[in-house]
Amino acid sequence: MPAGIEVTKQALDDFKKIQKYMLLAREEKAEKTYAELKEEYLTIKALLQVSGVNLADIDKIKE
């Protein structure tokens, strides 16, 4: 697998995992945890957008 695709796949996996934790933190009203996760979420989201990934269907947070 080419290096660029590996990086994108890892970012997608991380994006999915972070969204899961963000949704749990929101549900538990863990505001500090949510804020920390959101920073990572925004970084990975920007990386995926620059890579040309369409996030419309996979972005559950919609912020």
PDB file of N, CA and C in Angstrom:
ATOM      1  N   MET A   1       0.848  -1.174   0.000  1.00  0.00           N
ATOM      2  CA  MET A   1       0.000   0.000   0.000  1.00  0.00           C
ATOM      3  C   MET A   1       0.898   1.243   0.000  1.00  0.00           C
ATOM      4  N   PRO A   2       0.658   2.205  -0.898  1.00  0.00           N
ATOM      5  CA  PRO A   2       1.467   3.426  -0.922  1.00  0.00           C
ATOM      6  C   PRO A   2       1.383   4.202   0.393  1.00  0.00           C
ATOM      7  N   ALA A   3       2.442   4.916   0.699  1.00  0.00           N
ATOM      8  CA  ALA A   3       2.543   5.621   1.983  1.00  0.00           C
ATOM      9  C   ALA A   3       1.397   6.609   2.189  1.00  0.00           C
ATOM     10  N   GLY A   4       0.992   7.339   1.161  1.00  0.00           N
ATOM     11  CA  GLY A   4      -0.090   8.308   1.290  1.00  0.00           C
ATOM     12  C   GLY A   4      -1.406   7.664   1.672  1.00  0.00           C
ATOM     13  N   ILE A   5      -1.661   6.510   1.107  1.00  0.00           N
ATOM     14  CA  ILE A   5      -2.896   5.792   1.419  1.00  0.00           C
ATOM     15  C   ILE A   5      -2.839   5.257   2.850  1.00  0.00           C
ATOM     16  N   GLU A   6      -1.684   4.812   3.290  1.00  0.00           N
ATOM     17  CA  GLU A   6      -1.537   4.330   4.661  1.00  0.00           C
ATOM     18  C   GLU A   6      -1.794   5.452   5.666  1.00  0.00           C
ATOM     19  N   VAL A   7      -1.270   6.622   5.376  1.00  0.00           N
ATOM     20  CA  VAL A   7      -1.480   7.777   6.257  1.00  0.00           C
ATOM     21  C   VAL A   7      -2.961   8.135   6.309  1.00  0.00           C
ATOM     22  N   THR A   8      -3.617   8.137   5.154  1.00  0.00           N
ATOM     23  CA  THR A   8      -5.041   8.458   5.096  1.00  0.00           C
ATOM     24  C   THR A   8      -5.862   7.413   5.839  1.00  0.00           C
ATOM     25  N   LYS A   9      -5.525   6.148   5.669  1.00  0.00           N
ATOM     26  CA  LYS A   9      -6.252   5.087   6.371  1.00  0.00           C
ATOM     27  C   LYS A   9      -6.099   5.234   7.879  1.00  0.00           C
ATOM     28  N   GLN A  10      -4.890   5.513   8.337  1.00  0.00           N
ATOM     29  CA  GLN A  10      -4.659   5.699   9.774  1.00  0.00           C
ATOM     30  C   GLN A  10      -5.441   6.904  10.289  1.00  0.00           C
ATOM     31  N   ALA A  11      -5.459   7.987   9.507  1.00  0.00           N
ATOM     32  CA  ALA A  11      -6.215   9.179   9.903  1.00  0.00           C
ATOM     33  C   ALA A  11      -7.707   8.875   9.972  1.00  0.00           C
ATOM     34  N   LEU A  12      -8.214   8.100   9.020  1.00  0.00           N
ATOM     35  CA  LEU A  12      -9.628   7.714   9.048  1.00  0.00           C
ATOM     36  C   LEU A  12      -9.946   6.862  10.273  1.00  0.00           C
ATOM     37  N   ASP A  13      -9.073   5.928  10.596  1.00  0.00           N
ATOM     38  CA  ASP A  13      -9.267   5.098  11.783  1.00  0.00           C
ATOM     39  C   ASP A  13      -9.270   5.961  13.049  1.00  0.00           C
ATOM     40  N   ASP A  14      -8.323   6.896  13.123  1.00  0.00           N
ATOM     41  CA  ASP A  14      -8.248   7.796  14.271  1.00  0.00           C
ATOM     42  C   ASP A  14      -9.482   8.692  14.346  1.00  0.00           C
ATOM     43  N   PHE A  15      -9.945   9.168  13.199  1.00  0.00           N
ATOM     44  CA  PHE A  15     -11.124  10.032  13.133  1.00  0.00           C
ATOM     45  C   PHE A  15     -12.343   9.298  13.679  1.00  0.00           C
ATOM     46  N   LYS A  16     -12.505   8.062  13.269  1.00  0.00           N
ATOM     47  CA  LYS A  16     -13.637   7.252  13.734  1.00  0.00           C
ATOM     48  C   LYS A  16     -13.568   7.050  15.250  1.00  0.00           C
ATOM     49  N   LYS A  17     -12.372   6.733  15.750  1.00  0.00           N
ATOM     50  CA  LYS A  17     -12.195   6.480  17.177  1.00  0.00           C
ATOM     51  C   LYS A  17     -12.442   7.751  17.997  1.00  0.00           C
ATOM     52  N   ILE A  18     -11.915   8.865  17.540  1.00  0.00           N
ATOM     53  CA  ILE A  18     -12.087  10.125  18.276  1.00  0.00           C
ATOM     54  C   ILE A  18     -13.549  10.540  18.308  1.00  0.00           C
ATOM     55  N   GLN A  19     -14.254  10.371  17.194  1.00  0.00           N
ATOM     56  CA  GLN A  19     -15.676  10.701  17.185  1.00  0.00           C
ATOM     57  C   GLN A  19     -16.437   9.857  18.209  1.00  0.00           C
ATOM     58  N   LYS A  20     -16.097   8.583  18.289  1.00  0.00           N
ATOM     59  CA  LYS A  20     -16.748   7.682  19.252  1.00  0.00           C
ATOM     60  C   LYS A  20     -16.545   8.210  20.673  1.00  0.00           C
ATOM     61  N   TYR A  21     -15.299   8.587  21.000  1.00  0.00           N
ATOM     62  CA  TYR A  21     -15.002   9.084  22.337  1.00  0.00           C
ATOM     63  C   TYR A  21     -15.643  10.449  22.590  1.00  0.00           C
ATOM     64  N   MET A  22     -15.718  11.278  21.554  1.00  0.00           N
ATOM     65  CA  MET A  22     -16.370  12.582  21.704  1.00  0.00           C
ATOM     66  C   MET A  22     -17.853  12.416  22.018  1.00  0.00           C
ATOM     67  N   LEU A  23     -18.500  11.497  21.318  1.00  0.00           N
ATOM     68  CA  LEU A  23     -19.923  11.269  21.558  1.00  0.00           C
ATOM     69  C   LEU A  23     -20.157  10.734  22.972  1.00  0.00           C
ATOM     70  N   LEU A  24     -19.273   9.862  23.443  1.00  0.00           N
ATOM     71  CA  LEU A  24     -19.377   9.369  24.820  1.00  0.00           C
ATOM     72  C   LEU A  24     -19.145  10.494  25.832  1.00  0.00           C
ATOM     73  N   ALA A  25     -18.141  11.311  25.586  1.00  0.00           N
ATOM     74  CA  ALA A  25     -17.847  12.426  26.488  1.00  0.00           C
ATOM     75  C   ALA A  25     -19.015  13.409  26.531  1.00  0.00           C
ATOM     76  N   ARG A  26     -19.624  13.671  25.379  1.00  0.00           N
ATOM     77  CA  ARG A  26     -20.784  14.569  25.332  1.00  0.00           C
ATOM     78  C   ARG A  26     -21.935  13.975  26.143  1.00  0.00           C
ATOM     79  N   GLU A  27     -22.178  12.690  25.956  1.00  0.00           N
ATOM     80  CA  GLU A  27     -23.256  12.003  26.666  1.00  0.00           C
ATOM     81  C   GLU A  27     -23.037  12.047  28.187  1.00  0.00           C
ATOM     82  N   GLU A  28     -21.782  11.902  28.598  1.00  0.00           N
ATOM     83  CA  GLU A  28     -21.449  11.899  30.025  1.00  0.00           C
ATOM     84  C   GLU A  28     -21.229  13.307  30.576  1.00  0.00           C
ATOM     85  N   LYS A  29     -21.365  14.305  29.704  1.00  0.00           N
ATOM     86  CA  LYS A  29     -21.159  15.705  30.078  1.00  0.00           C
ATOM     87  C   LYS A  29     -19.749  15.949  30.631  1.00  0.00           C
ATOM     88  N   ALA A  30     -18.788  15.285  30.019  1.00  0.00           N
ATOM     89  CA  ALA A  30     -17.373  15.436  30.382  1.00  0.00           C
ATOM     90  C   ALA A  30     -16.781  16.545  29.510  1.00  0.00           C
ATOM     91  N   GLU A  31     -17.026  17.784  29.913  1.00  0.00           N
ATOM     92  CA  GLU A  31     -16.695  18.941  29.083  1.00  0.00           C
ATOM     93  C   GLU A  31     -15.200  19.081  28.798  1.00  0.00           C
ATOM     94  N   LYS A  32     -14.360  18.865  29.800  1.00  0.00           N
ATOM     95  CA  LYS A  32     -12.915  18.993  29.593  1.00  0.00           C
ATOM     96  C   LYS A  32     -12.397  17.912  28.650  1.00  0.00           C
ATOM     97  N   THR A  33     -12.881  16.706  28.839  1.00  0.00           N
ATOM     98  CA  THR A  33     -12.480  15.610  27.958  1.00  0.00           C
ATOM     99  C   THR A  33     -12.935  15.881  26.535  1.00  0.00           C
ATOM    100  N   TYR A  34     -14.166  16.344  26.387  1.00  0.00           N
ATOM    101  CA  TYR A  34     -14.703  16.654  25.069  1.00  0.00           C
ATOM    102  C   TYR A  34     -13.856  17.733  24.385  1.00  0.00           C
ATOM    103  N   ALA A  35     -13.486  18.761  25.127  1.00  0.00           N
ATOM    104  CA  ALA A  35     -12.685  19.860  24.557  1.00  0.00           C
ATOM    105  C   ALA A  35     -11.330  19.361  24.070  1.00  0.00           C
ATOM    106  N   GLU A  36     -10.701  18.483  24.839  1.00  0.00           N
ATOM    107  CA  GLU A  36      -9.406  17.930  24.423  1.00  0.00           C
ATOM    108  C   GLU A  36      -9.553  17.062  23.177  1.00  0.00           C
ATOM    109  N   LEU A  37     -10.571  16.236  23.157  1.00  0.00           N
ATOM    110  CA  LEU A  37     -10.809  15.385  21.995  1.00  0.00           C
ATOM    111  C   LEU A  37     -11.131  16.225  20.761  1.00  0.00           C
ATOM    112  N   LYS A  38     -11.838  17.328  20.959  1.00  0.00           N
ATOM    113  CA  LYS A  38     -12.219  18.177  19.832  1.00  0.00           C
ATOM    114  C   LYS A  38     -10.997  18.759  19.134  1.00  0.00           C
ATOM    115  N   GLU A  39      -9.972  19.099  19.892  1.00  0.00           N
ATOM    116  CA  GLU A  39      -8.741  19.611  19.278  1.00  0.00           C
ATOM    117  C   GLU A  39      -8.136  18.567  18.342  1.00  0.00           C
ATOM    118  N   GLU A  40      -8.061  17.342  18.808  1.00  0.00           N
ATOM    119  CA  GLU A  40      -7.523  16.259  17.973  1.00  0.00           C
ATOM    120  C   GLU A  40      -8.432  15.997  16.777  1.00  0.00           C
ATOM    121  N   TYR A  41      -9.728  16.019  17.016  1.00  0.00           N
ATOM    122  CA  TYR A  41     -10.732  15.828  15.961  1.00  0.00           C
ATOM    123  C   TYR A  41     -10.548  16.853  14.846  1.00  0.00           C
ATOM    124  N   LEU A  42     -10.380  18.116  15.215  1.00  0.00           N
ATOM    125  CA  LEU A  42     -10.231  19.170  14.204  1.00  0.00           C
ATOM    126  C   LEU A  42      -8.941  19.009  13.408  1.00  0.00           C
ATOM    127  N   THR A  43      -7.883  18.581  14.067  1.00  0.00           N
ATOM    128  CA  THR A  43      -6.610  18.355  13.376  1.00  0.00           C
ATOM    129  C   THR A  43      -6.734  17.223  12.355  1.00  0.00           C
ATOM    130  N   ILE A  44      -7.315  16.117  12.779  1.00  0.00           N
ATOM    131  CA  ILE A  44      -7.474  14.975  11.871  1.00  0.00           C
ATOM    132  C   ILE A  44      -8.458  15.313  10.751  1.00  0.00           C
ATOM    133  N   LYS A  45      -9.504  16.047  11.076  1.00  0.00           N
ATOM    134  CA  LYS A  45     -10.487  16.444  10.068  1.00  0.00           C
ATOM    135  C   LYS A  45      -9.820  17.309   8.991  1.00  0.00           C
ATOM    136  N   ALA A  46      -8.973  18.238   9.407  1.00  0.00           N
ATOM    137  CA  ALA A  46      -8.265  19.092   8.446  1.00  0.00           C
ATOM    138  C   ALA A  46      -7.340  18.254   7.559  1.00  0.00           C
ATOM    139  N   LEU A  47      -6.631  17.310   8.153  1.00  0.00           N
ATOM    140  CA  LEU A  47      -5.733  16.435   7.389  1.00  0.00           C
ATOM    141  C   LEU A  47      -6.513  15.638   6.346  1.00  0.00           C
ATOM    142  N   LEU A  48      -7.646  15.096   6.742  1.00  0.00           N
ATOM    143  CA  LEU A  48      -8.457  14.308   5.814  1.00  0.00           C
ATOM    144  C   LEU A  48      -9.025  15.183   4.691  1.00  0.00           C
ATOM    145  N   GLN A  49      -9.439  16.398   5.027  1.00  0.00           N
ATOM    146  CA  GLN A  49      -9.973  17.290   3.996  1.00  0.00           C
ATOM    147  C   GLN A  49      -8.889  17.663   2.983  1.00  0.00           C
ATOM    148  N   VAL A  50      -7.680  17.921   3.467  1.00  0.00           N
ATOM    149  CA  VAL A  50      -6.566  18.240   2.568  1.00  0.00           C
ATOM    150  C   VAL A  50      -6.235  17.038   1.691  1.00  0.00           C
ATOM    151  N   SER A  51      -6.450  15.843   2.222  1.00  0.00           N
ATOM    152  CA  SER A  51      -6.193  14.614   1.462  1.00  0.00           C
ATOM    153  C   SER A  51      -7.298  14.302   0.463  1.00  0.00           C
ATOM    154  N   GLY A  52      -8.361  15.108   0.488  1.00  0.00           N
ATOM    155  CA  GLY A  52      -9.444  14.922  -0.471  1.00  0.00           C
ATOM    156  C   GLY A  52     -10.528  13.964  -0.030  1.00  0.00           C
ATOM    157  N   VAL A  53     -10.562  13.615   1.255  1.00  0.00           N
ATOM    158  CA  VAL A  53     -11.577  12.699   1.761  1.00  0.00           C
ATOM    159  C   VAL A  53     -12.881  13.464   1.972  1.00  0.00           C
ATOM    160  N   ASN A  54     -13.972  12.927   1.442  1.00  0.00           N
ATOM    161  CA  ASN A  54     -15.290  13.516   1.635  1.00  0.00           C
ATOM    162  C   ASN A  54     -15.820  13.042   2.992  1.00  0.00           C
ATOM    163  N   LEU A  55     -15.951  13.966   3.923  1.00  0.00           N
ATOM    164  CA  LEU A  55     -16.356  13.620   5.283  1.00  0.00           C
ATOM    165  C   LEU A  55     -17.863  13.716   5.506  1.00  0.00           C
ATOM    166  N   ALA A  56     -18.608  14.083   4.486  1.00  0.00           N
ATOM    167  CA  ALA A  56     -20.047  14.324   4.640  1.00  0.00           C
ATOM    168  C   ALA A  56     -20.783  13.152   5.275  1.00  0.00           C
ATOM    169  N   ASP A  57     -20.457  11.950   4.893  1.00  0.00           N
ATOM    170  CA  ASP A  57     -21.183  10.780   5.397  1.00  0.00           C
ATOM    171  C   ASP A  57     -20.585  10.174   6.669  1.00  0.00           C
ATOM    172  N   ILE A  58     -19.324  10.491   6.958  1.00  0.00           N
ATOM    173  CA  ILE A  58     -18.691   9.832   8.104  1.00  0.00           C
ATOM    174  C   ILE A  58     -18.518  10.750   9.310  1.00  0.00           C
ATOM    175  N   ASP A  59     -18.761  12.043   9.147  1.00  0.00           N
ATOM    176  CA  ASP A  59     -18.599  12.973  10.251  1.00  0.00           C
ATOM    177  C   ASP A  59     -19.871  13.002  11.090  1.00  0.00           C
ATOM    178  N   LYS A  60     -19.818  12.381  12.261  1.00  0.00           N
ATOM    179  CA  LYS A  60     -20.989  12.291  13.135  1.00  0.00           C
ATOM    180  C   LYS A  60     -21.118  13.492  14.060  1.00  0.00           C
ATOM    181  N   ILE A  61     -20.057  14.262  14.209  1.00  0.00           N
ATOM    182  CA  ILE A  61     -20.054  15.380  15.139  1.00  0.00           C
ATOM    183  C   ILE A  61     -20.693  16.624  14.513  1.00  0.00           C
ATOM    184  N   LYS A  62     -20.394  16.916  13.271  1.00  0.00           N
ATOM    185  CA  LYS A  62     -20.982  18.033  12.511  1.00  0.00           C
ATOM    186  C   LYS A  62     -20.796  19.376  13.189  1.00  0.00           C
ATOM    187  N   GLU A  63     -19.588  19.647  13.690  1.00  0.00           N
ATOM    188  CA  GLU A  63     -19.293  20.949  14.300  1.00  0.00           C
ATOM    189  C   GLU A  63     -18.413  21.760  13.383  1.00  0.00           C
TER     190      GLU A  63
END
